[in-house]
């Protein structure tokens, strides 16, 4: 499996940012560095960006309002409307997305699956 050159850099930043949040755990999910809350994945690193899960409405709004947000397609496969990918060339820019990660955590905690 090949990984994007930015993935390791993104992981270092996200580990420092997300693993400080109570209840968040990092693990591997089918070869991707992923982040979980309550055993449910809310974010993962893939394709040189970070996929996050939000409500379908929030995900759509984020795609329309931010040029660096695209539909999440892990390993080239389409995902659900709840998943989007945030792309930053500078890994530390993900620190500015902390409110989005917190919204993702809250959304995933409230889902049944």
Protein backbone atom coordinates (compact mmCIF):
# COMPACT_ATOMS: atom_id res chain seq x y z
CA UNK A 1 0.00 0.00 0.00
CA UNK A 2 1.35 3.42 -0.89
CA UNK A 3 0.64 6.39 1.28
CA UNK A 4 0.69 10.05 0.46
CA UNK A 5 3.89 11.79 1.63
CA UNK A 6 1.88 14.16 3.85
CA UNK A 7 0.10 11.37 5.76
CA UNK A 8 2.88 10.87 8.37
CA UNK A 9 3.16 14.61 8.97
CA UNK A 10 -0.62 14.93 9.32
CA UNK A 11 -0.65 12.01 11.77
CA UNK A 12 1.96 13.65 14.01
CA UNK A 13 -0.07 16.86 14.20
CA UNK A 14 -3.41 15.11 14.67
CA UNK A 15 -2.05 12.79 17.35
CA UNK A 16 -0.94 15.85 19.30
CA UNK A 17 -4.25 17.60 18.75
CA UNK A 18 -6.88 14.89 19.00
CA UNK A 19 -5.44 12.38 21.45
CA UNK A 20 -5.57 15.07 24.17
CA UNK A 21 -9.37 15.08 23.94
CA UNK A 22 -11.04 12.90 26.54
CA UNK A 23 -12.33 9.64 25.07
CA UNK A 24 -10.46 9.90 21.75
CA UNK A 25 -8.31 6.95 20.74
CA UNK A 26 -6.09 6.42 17.74
CA UNK A 27 -5.89 3.12 15.87
CA UNK A 28 -5.38 1.59 12.46
CA UNK A 29 -8.49 1.02 10.33
CA UNK A 30 -7.87 -1.03 7.20
CA UNK A 31 -4.41 0.47 6.80
CA UNK A 32 -5.43 4.05 7.59
CA UNK A 33 -4.50 6.04 10.69
CA UNK A 34 -7.88 6.65 12.30
CA UNK A 35 -9.40 8.34 15.35
CA UNK A 36 -12.27 6.93 17.36
CA UNK A 37 -14.63 7.97 20.10
CA UNK A 38 -16.73 5.30 21.78
CA UNK A 39 -15.35 2.73 19.29
CA UNK A 40 -16.77 4.78 16.38
CA UNK A 41 -14.45 6.36 13.81
CA UNK A 42 -14.82 10.11 13.41
CA UNK A 43 -11.66 10.94 11.44
CA UNK A 44 -8.92 9.27 9.44
CA UNK A 45 -5.90 10.21 7.40
CA UNK A 46 -6.01 9.24 3.73
CA UNK A 47 -5.02 10.54 0.29
CA UNK A 48 -2.89 13.35 1.75
CA UNK A 49 -5.83 14.78 3.67
CA UNK A 50 -8.07 14.07 6.63
CA UNK A 51 -11.53 12.58 6.35
CA UNK A 52 -14.05 13.59 8.98
CA UNK A 53 -17.64 12.55 9.61
CA UNK A 54 -20.30 15.20 10.12
CA UNK A 55 -24.03 15.37 9.58
CA UNK A 56 -24.84 15.23 5.86
CA UNK A 57 -26.00 18.85 5.95
CA UNK A 58 -22.87 20.10 7.71
CA UNK A 59 -20.67 18.08 5.35
CA UNK A 60 -22.40 19.58 2.28
CA UNK A 61 -22.15 23.12 3.67
CA UNK A 62 -18.47 22.64 4.42
CA UNK A 63 -17.79 21.49 0.84
CA UNK A 64 -19.56 24.52 -0.63
CA UNK A 65 -17.95 27.04 1.71
CA UNK A 66 -14.33 25.79 1.67
CA UNK A 67 -12.23 25.18 -1.41
CA UNK A 68 -10.02 22.74 0.48
CA UNK A 69 -12.90 20.39 1.39
CA UNK A 70 -13.89 17.62 -1.03
CA UNK A 71 -15.94 14.40 -0.87
CA UNK A 72 -14.03 11.73 1.04
CA UNK A 73 -12.98 8.81 -1.16
CA UNK A 74 -10.84 6.42 0.88
CA UNK A 75 -8.57 4.40 -1.36
CA UNK A 76 -10.47 5.80 -4.37
CA UNK A 77 -13.85 4.48 -3.27
CA UNK A 78 -16.86 6.74 -2.75
CA UNK A 79 -18.01 7.20 0.83
CA UNK A 80 -21.27 8.41 2.38
CA UNK A 81 -22.48 12.01 2.29
CA UNK A 82 -21.50 12.32 5.96
CA UNK A 83 -17.80 12.06 5.15
CA UNK A 84 -15.69 14.88 3.70
CA UNK A 85 -11.96 15.32 3.29
CA UNK A 86 -10.10 18.42 4.45
CA UNK A 87 -6.88 19.05 2.53
CA UNK A 88 -4.02 21.14 3.88
CA UNK A 89 -0.50 21.18 2.46
CA UNK A 90 0.81 22.38 5.84
CA UNK A 91 -0.08 19.80 8.49
CA UNK A 92 -0.18 22.37 11.29
CA UNK A 93 -3.16 24.02 9.55
CA UNK A 94 -5.30 21.18 10.94
CA UNK A 95 -4.96 22.83 14.35
CA UNK A 96 -7.27 25.56 13.00
CA UNK A 97 -9.87 22.86 12.29
CA UNK A 98 -10.22 21.84 15.94
CA UNK A 99 -13.85 23.08 16.05
CA UNK A 100 -14.66 20.81 13.08
CA UNK A 101 -13.05 17.83 14.79
CA UNK A 102 -15.01 18.61 17.96
CA UNK A 103 -18.24 18.83 15.91
CA UNK A 104 -17.37 15.48 14.33
CA UNK A 105 -16.82 13.90 17.75
CA UNK A 106 -20.16 15.24 19.01
CA UNK A 107 -21.95 14.01 15.89
CA UNK A 108 -20.43 10.52 16.04
CA UNK A 109 -21.19 10.21 19.76
CA UNK A 110 -24.85 10.86 18.94
CA UNK A 111 -25.13 8.26 16.17
CA UNK A 112 -26.40 4.73 16.68
CA UNK A 113 -23.85 3.07 14.40
